[in-house]
Amino acid sequence: MSQPAAHKQAIKSEKRKEAEPVPSKFRMLIRRKSTLAFLLCIPLLALIFGLIVYPFFYSIVLSMLNKKETRFEGFANFLFLFNRDTFWMVVRQSFLFTLTAVFFKALIGFIMAHLIDVLPSKRQRLWRGLALIPWVMPPALSTLGWWWLFEPSYSAINWILQGLFGVSVPWLSDTFWARFSVILVNIWFGSPFFMIMYLAALKSVSADLYEAASIDGASAWQKLIYITIPMLRNIIAITMLFSTIVTFANFDIVRVLTQGGPRHTTHLFGTYSFTLGIQGGDIPLGAAVSLFMFPILALLAFFILRNVRQRVREI
């Protein structure tokens, strides 16, 4: 192309650029990836606000009203609960239920993850699928099956015990065995979650660490203590935190198995709140019960996540 022709082409391109409209600030804002990401998150934020944030603050308001919800009474409902022996029994049972169940779920899940991890790849898929069955089943449906196993008239477990040892156990009518039953069902239901989380974490641990430990003469126990557990500390802490929150708020298992009996000894915060608020007709008092566990879980989450964050920074 000759020099005059090139000069004319450059002049035309400059005129075209001048003729093009300058994009407005609004259009530039819309084209940003951060803006697009926020717009895509709006449905999720709306769900969180509608199903979590709004009900939480509304329950705070409800807990400070009288039974008829016509007069503001401040902390009267909380003071009333603090003076009831049944409420403190529910608090003790909730802590016993949660701490026992989470400990055994973590222990069983840890053992199951190691047992499956040493299997060949093809067998791992089969056992992973079988182990996840309790966790993927609807809790109310699976708990109903356990209720048939524990029910005194048709209990398959008691039928076996009667045939072998000549004894039967009052699974749901005795305080000790009723507590044992609800904890057992929760462990059965929640252990697969720990198993799949720990199994995924084990896959991320480098095999070179174990090979170097074997060369140094480390035993299987030493590998577990000095390699596996330190590498899985963060995932162990996060899974236990998540399970603690879910277990504290458990409703289905106790509601289906015992309905809080015998004599309110198996009630948790969720079932006791339902009993007072829905069945008893005192919704503000039920809201006060449900809010009692919030500061406990908030403090627990704060300290666990802070420790996890500190360990991540050290790495």
Protein backbone atom coordinates (compact mmCIF):
# COMPACT_ATOMS: atom_id res chain seq x y z
CA MET A 1 0.00 0.00 0.00
CA SER A 2 1.36 3.43 -1.00
CA GLN A 3 2.06 6.11 1.60
CA PRO A 4 -0.87 8.41 0.63
CA ALA A 5 -3.32 5.48 0.73
CA ALA A 6 -2.03 4.41 4.15
CA HIS A 7 -2.36 7.98 5.38
CA LYS A 8 -5.97 8.13 4.19
CA GLN A 9 -6.75 4.80 5.87
CA ALA A 10 -5.34 6.07 9.19
CA ILE A 11 -7.46 9.23 8.93
CA LYS A 12 -10.60 7.13 8.27
CA SER A 13 -9.94 4.86 11.30
CA GLU A 14 -9.44 7.91 13.55
CA LYS A 15 -12.72 9.41 12.33
CA ARG A 16 -14.49 6.08 12.96
CA LYS A 17 -13.17 6.00 16.51
CA GLU A 18 -14.32 9.56 17.08
CA ALA A 19 -17.77 8.68 15.73
CA GLU A 20 -18.17 5.70 18.05
CA PRO A 21 -20.07 6.59 21.24
CA VAL A 22 -18.07 6.51 24.44
CA PRO A 23 -19.46 3.77 26.73
CA SER A 24 -21.23 5.18 29.74
CA LYS A 25 -20.16 4.46 33.30
CA PHE A 26 -23.22 2.26 33.73
CA ARG A 27 -22.25 0.08 30.76
CA MET A 28 -18.69 -0.17 32.02
CA LEU A 29 -20.00 -1.20 35.43
CA ILE A 30 -22.23 -3.87 33.91
CA ARG A 31 -19.35 -5.32 31.89
CA ARG A 32 -17.18 -5.89 34.96
CA LYS A 33 -16.77 -9.49 36.07
CA SER A 34 -17.29 -8.54 39.70
CA THR A 35 -20.64 -6.93 38.85
CA LEU A 36 -21.72 -9.99 36.86
CA ALA A 37 -20.71 -12.25 39.75
CA PHE A 38 -22.78 -10.16 42.17
CA LEU A 39 -25.82 -10.24 39.89
CA LEU A 40 -25.57 -14.03 39.61
CA CYS A 41 -25.42 -14.28 43.42
CA ILE A 42 -28.58 -12.22 43.96
CA PRO A 43 -30.96 -15.27 43.89
CA LEU A 44 -28.77 -17.02 46.48
CA LEU A 45 -28.61 -13.90 48.65
CA ALA A 46 -32.39 -13.59 48.44
CA LEU A 47 -32.81 -17.19 49.61
CA ILE A 48 -30.37 -16.68 52.49
CA PHE A 49 -32.16 -13.52 53.56
CA GLY A 50 -35.64 -15.03 53.24
CA LEU A 51 -34.90 -18.41 54.85
CA ILE A 52 -32.16 -17.59 57.38
CA VAL A 53 -31.62 -13.89 58.14
CA TYR A 54 -35.24 -12.77 58.35
CA PRO A 55 -36.46 -15.81 60.40
CA PHE A 56 -33.52 -15.38 62.78
CA PHE A 57 -34.29 -11.75 63.60
CA TYR A 58 -38.02 -12.44 63.65
CA SER A 59 -37.47 -15.22 66.19
CA ILE A 60 -35.56 -12.75 68.37
CA VAL A 61 -38.56 -10.43 68.28
CA LEU A 62 -40.94 -13.32 69.02
CA SER A 63 -38.90 -14.49 72.01
CA MET A 64 -39.46 -11.12 73.70
CA LEU A 65 -43.26 -11.14 73.42
CA ASN A 66 -45.87 -12.60 75.74
CA LYS A 67 -47.75 -15.82 74.97
CA LYS A 68 -50.49 -13.99 73.04
CA GLU A 69 -47.82 -12.01 71.12
CA THR A 70 -49.49 -8.74 72.04
CA ARG A 71 -47.06 -7.25 74.56
CA PHE A 72 -43.29 -6.79 74.72
CA GLU A 73 -41.81 -8.50 77.79
CA GLY A 74 -38.06 -8.35 77.18
CA PHE A 75 -36.15 -11.30 78.61
CA ALA A 76 -39.07 -12.67 80.65
CA ASN A 77 -39.26 -15.87 78.58
CA PHE A 78 -35.55 -16.56 79.05
CA LEU A 79 -35.80 -15.96 82.82
CA PHE A 80 -38.78 -18.31 82.96
CA LEU A 81 -36.79 -21.03 81.21
CA PHE A 82 -33.78 -20.58 83.48
CA ASN A 83 -35.98 -21.36 86.49
CA ARG A 84 -37.30 -24.63 85.03
CA ASP A 85 -35.55 -27.93 85.80
CA THR A 86 -36.87 -29.43 82.56
CA PHE A 87 -35.06 -26.81 80.50
CA TRP A 88 -31.70 -27.52 82.17
CA MET A 89 -32.28 -31.23 81.65
CA VAL A 90 -32.76 -30.47 77.94
CA VAL A 91 -29.50 -28.48 77.98
CA ARG A 92 -27.60 -31.39 79.55
CA GLN A 93 -29.17 -33.91 77.17
CA SER A 94 -28.34 -31.72 74.14
CA PHE A 95 -24.69 -31.49 75.15
CA LEU A 96 -24.50 -35.21 75.96
CA PHE A 97 -26.17 -36.11 72.67
CA THR A 98 -23.99 -33.79 70.59
CA LEU A 99 -20.59 -34.48 72.14
CA THR A 100 -21.06 -38.25 72.25
CA ALA A 101 -22.47 -38.52 68.75
CA VAL A 102 -19.88 -36.22 67.12
CA PHE A 103 -16.98 -38.03 68.84
CA PHE A 104 -18.08 -41.48 67.67
CA LYS A 105 -19.05 -40.25 64.19
CA ALA A 106 -15.58 -38.76 63.77
CA LEU A 107 -13.89 -41.91 65.12
CA ILE A 108 -15.92 -44.34 63.02
CA GLY A 109 -15.61 -42.15 59.92
CA PHE A 110 -11.84 -41.95 60.40
CA ILE A 111 -11.54 -45.75 60.70
CA MET A 112 -13.84 -46.36 57.72
CA ALA A 113 -11.88 -43.89 55.58
CA HIS A 114 -8.61 -45.69 56.29
CA LEU A 115 -10.13 -49.12 55.64
CA ILE A 116 -11.53 -48.02 52.28
CA ASP A 117 -8.36 -46.11 51.35
CA VAL A 118 -6.23 -49.28 51.42
CA LEU A 119 -8.60 -51.17 49.11
CA PRO A 120 -8.05 -51.40 45.32
CA SER A 121 -9.71 -48.64 43.28
CA LYS A 122 -12.56 -50.80 41.96
CA ARG A 123 -13.54 -52.02 45.41
CA GLN A 124 -13.32 -48.50 46.80
CA ARG A 125 -16.17 -47.37 44.56
CA LEU A 126 -18.41 -50.21 45.78
CA TRP A 127 -17.71 -49.68 49.48
CA ARG A 128 -17.97 -45.88 49.19
CA GLY A 129 -21.41 -46.26 47.67
CA LEU A 130 -22.57 -48.74 50.30
CA ALA A 131 -21.20 -46.65 53.18
CA LEU A 132 -22.99 -43.52 51.94
CA ILE A 133 -26.45 -45.14 51.93
CA PRO A 134 -27.36 -44.11 55.53
CA TRP A 135 -26.33 -40.51 54.85
CA VAL A 136 -28.25 -40.07 51.58
CA MET A 137 -31.49 -41.55 52.93
CA PRO A 138 -34.12 -39.12 54.29
CA PRO A 139 -33.55 -38.97 58.07
CA ALA A 140 -37.23 -39.33 58.97
CA LEU A 141 -37.62 -42.40 56.75
CA SER A 142 -34.50 -44.16 58.02
CA THR A 143 -35.37 -43.28 61.64
CA LEU A 144 -38.79 -44.83 61.14
CA GLY A 145 -37.02 -48.08 60.22
CA TRP A 146 -35.01 -47.86 63.44
CA TRP A 147 -38.23 -47.24 65.36
CA TRP A 148 -39.56 -50.58 64.11
CA LEU A 149 -36.35 -52.23 65.31
CA PHE A 150 -36.70 -50.68 68.78
CA GLU A 151 -40.49 -50.84 69.19
CA PRO A 152 -41.24 -53.23 72.09
CA SER A 153 -44.05 -55.21 70.43
CA TYR A 154 -42.35 -55.84 67.08
CA SER A 155 -38.66 -55.25 67.87
CA ALA A 156 -36.42 -57.44 65.73
CA ILE A 157 -33.50 -56.69 68.06
CA ASN A 158 -35.44 -57.84 71.13
CA TRP A 159 -36.60 -60.93 69.23
CA ILE A 160 -32.96 -61.88 68.63
CA LEU A 161 -31.95 -61.09 72.22
CA GLN A 162 -34.89 -63.08 73.55
CA GLY A 163 -33.97 -66.07 71.43
CA LEU A 164 -30.25 -66.00 72.31
CA PHE A 165 -30.16 -64.77 75.90
CA GLY A 166 -33.76 -64.77 77.08
CA VAL A 167 -33.79 -61.01 77.75
CA SER A 168 -35.36 -57.95 76.16
CA VAL A 169 -34.37 -54.30 76.39
CA PRO A 170 -36.83 -51.40 76.88
CA TRP A 171 -35.19 -49.34 74.15
CA LEU A 172 -37.61 -46.42 74.08
CA SER A 173 -39.26 -46.54 77.50
CA ASP A 174 -36.19 -46.43 79.76
CA THR A 175 -34.21 -43.17 80.08
CA PHE A 176 -30.77 -44.72 79.59
CA TRP A 177 -31.73 -46.92 76.65
CA ALA A 178 -33.80 -44.17 75.01
CA ARG A 179 -30.79 -41.82 75.10
CA PHE A 180 -28.59 -44.64 73.86
CA SER A 181 -31.00 -45.30 70.98
CA VAL A 182 -31.18 -41.71 69.68
CA ILE A 183 -27.38 -41.34 69.89
CA LEU A 184 -26.87 -44.68 68.11
CA VAL A 185 -29.17 -43.68 65.24
CA ASN A 186 -27.44 -40.31 64.89
CA ILE A 187 -24.03 -42.01 64.75
CA TRP A 188 -25.31 -44.45 62.12
CA PHE A 189 -26.71 -41.59 60.06
CA GLY A 190 -23.73 -39.18 60.31
CA SER A 191 -20.65 -41.42 60.15
CA PRO A 192 -20.65 -41.66 56.31
CA PHE A 193 -20.28 -37.87 56.08
CA PHE A 194 -17.06 -38.01 58.11
CA MET A 195 -15.90 -41.02 56.12
CA ILE A 196 -16.23 -39.34 52.73
CA MET A 197 -14.60 -36.11 53.94
CA TYR A 198 -11.64 -37.91 55.53
CA LEU A 199 -11.28 -40.20 52.52
CA ALA A 200 -11.06 -37.20 50.19
CA ALA A 201 -8.48 -35.61 52.51
CA LEU A 202 -6.41 -38.82 52.59
CA LYS A 203 -6.19 -38.78 48.79
CA SER A 204 -4.48 -35.38 48.98
CA VAL A 205 -1.70 -36.59 51.31
CA SER A 206 1.46 -37.23 49.30
CA ALA A 207 2.60 -40.87 49.20
CA ASP A 208 6.22 -39.62 49.34
CA LEU A 209 5.73 -38.72 53.00
CA TYR A 210 4.78 -42.29 53.88
CA GLU A 211 7.63 -43.70 51.77
CA ALA A 212 10.16 -41.47 53.52
CA ALA A 213 8.73 -42.48 56.91
CA SER A 214 9.00 -46.16 55.97
CA ILE A 215 12.64 -45.70 54.99
CA ASP A 216 13.28 -44.10 58.38
CA GLY A 217 11.70 -47.14 60.08
CA ALA A 218 8.46 -45.51 61.22
CA SER A 219 5.66 -47.84 62.32
CA ALA A 220 2.06 -47.59 61.14
CA TRP A 221 1.11 -45.91 64.42
CA GLN A 222 3.87 -43.31 64.05
CA LYS A 223 2.77 -42.57 60.48
CA LEU A 224 -0.75 -42.01 61.76
CA ILE A 225 0.34 -39.71 64.60
CA TYR A 226 3.04 -37.70 62.81
CA ILE A 227 1.81 -37.62 59.20
CA THR A 228 -1.87 -38.44 58.74
CA ILE A 229 -3.43 -36.56 61.65
CA PRO A 230 -1.32 -33.36 61.21
CA MET A 231 -2.15 -33.31 57.49
CA LEU A 232 -5.86 -33.78 58.24
CA ARG A 233 -6.14 -31.34 61.17
CA ASN A 234 -7.98 -28.64 59.26
CA ILE A 235 -10.50 -30.95 57.63
CA ILE A 236 -11.06 -32.72 60.97
CA ALA A 237 -11.77 -29.40 62.69
CA ILE A 238 -14.12 -28.16 59.96
CA THR A 239 -16.09 -31.42 59.69
CA MET A 240 -16.48 -31.62 63.47
CA LEU A 241 -17.67 -28.00 63.57
CA PHE A 242 -20.23 -28.60 60.83
CA SER A 243 -21.41 -31.85 62.43
CA THR A 244 -21.67 -30.20 65.86
CA ILE A 245 -23.95 -27.48 64.47
CA VAL A 246 -26.14 -30.00 62.63
CA THR A 247 -26.27 -32.39 65.60
CA PHE A 248 -27.19 -29.63 68.04
CA ALA A 249 -30.07 -28.67 65.78
CA ASN A 250 -31.20 -32.26 65.22
CA PHE A 251 -34.96 -32.75 65.18
CA ASP A 252 -36.00 -35.75 63.07
CA ILE A 253 -34.37 -38.57 65.04
CA VAL A 254 -35.70 -37.63 68.48
CA ARG A 255 -39.10 -36.62 67.11
CA VAL A 256 -39.66 -39.95 65.34
CA LEU A 257 -38.06 -42.27 67.90
CA THR A 258 -39.09 -40.93 71.31
CA GLN A 259 -40.88 -37.57 70.86
CA GLY A 260 -38.75 -36.37 73.77
CA GLY A 261 -39.79 -39.13 76.19
CA PRO A 262 -39.69 -40.76 78.56
CA ARG A 263 -40.44 -37.77 80.82
CA HIS A 264 -38.68 -35.25 78.52
CA THR A 265 -35.30 -36.99 79.08
CA THR A 266 -34.41 -37.24 75.37
CA HIS A 267 -35.52 -33.78 74.30
CA LEU A 268 -33.08 -31.61 72.34
CA PHE A 269 -33.37 -27.87 71.75
CA GLY A 270 -35.24 -28.38 68.49
CA THR A 271 -37.79 -30.90 69.77
CA TYR A 272 -38.34 -29.07 73.06
CA SER A 273 -38.87 -25.81 71.18
CA PHE A 274 -41.42 -27.58 68.95
CA THR A 275 -43.19 -29.05 71.98
CA LEU A 276 -43.50 -25.68 73.74
CA GLY A 277 -44.09 -23.48 70.71
CA ILE A 278 -46.22 -25.56 68.32
CA GLN A 279 -47.84 -28.20 70.49
CA GLY A 280 -48.06 -26.05 73.62
CA GLY A 281 -49.19 -22.93 71.78
CA ASP A 282 -46.51 -20.69 73.33
CA ILE A 283 -44.54 -19.65 70.25
CA PRO A 284 -42.47 -16.92 72.01
CA LEU A 285 -41.31 -19.43 74.63
CA GLY A 286 -40.42 -21.93 71.91
CA ALA A 287 -38.46 -19.23 70.08
CA ALA A 288 -36.54 -18.49 73.28
CA VAL A 289 -35.55 -22.16 73.55
CA SER A 290 -34.35 -22.30 69.96
CA LEU A 291 -32.24 -19.16 70.39
CA PHE A 292 -30.44 -20.50 73.45
CA MET A 293 -28.00 -22.57 71.36
CA PHE A 294 -27.06 -19.72 68.99
CA PRO A 295 -24.39 -18.02 71.19
CA ILE A 296 -22.92 -21.44 72.06
CA LEU A 297 -22.53 -22.46 68.42
CA ALA A 298 -21.31 -18.98 67.43
CA LEU A 299 -18.49 -19.10 70.00
CA LEU A 300 -17.60 -22.64 68.99
CA ALA A 301 -17.45 -21.69 65.31
CA PHE A 302 -15.37 -18.60 66.08
CA PHE A 303 -12.65 -20.46 68.00
CA ILE A 304 -12.46 -23.44 65.62
CA LEU A 305 -12.28 -21.30 62.48
CA ARG A 306 -9.72 -19.01 64.10
CA ASN A 307 -7.48 -22.00 64.86
CA VAL A 308 -7.89 -23.28 61.30
CA ARG A 309 -6.98 -19.85 59.92
CA GLN A 310 -3.87 -19.69 62.10
CA ARG A 311 -2.70 -23.13 60.94
CA VAL A 312 -3.24 -22.15 57.29
CA ARG A 313 -1.10 -19.03 57.78
CA GLU A 314 1.66 -21.12 59.35
CA ILE A 315 1.73 -23.33 56.27
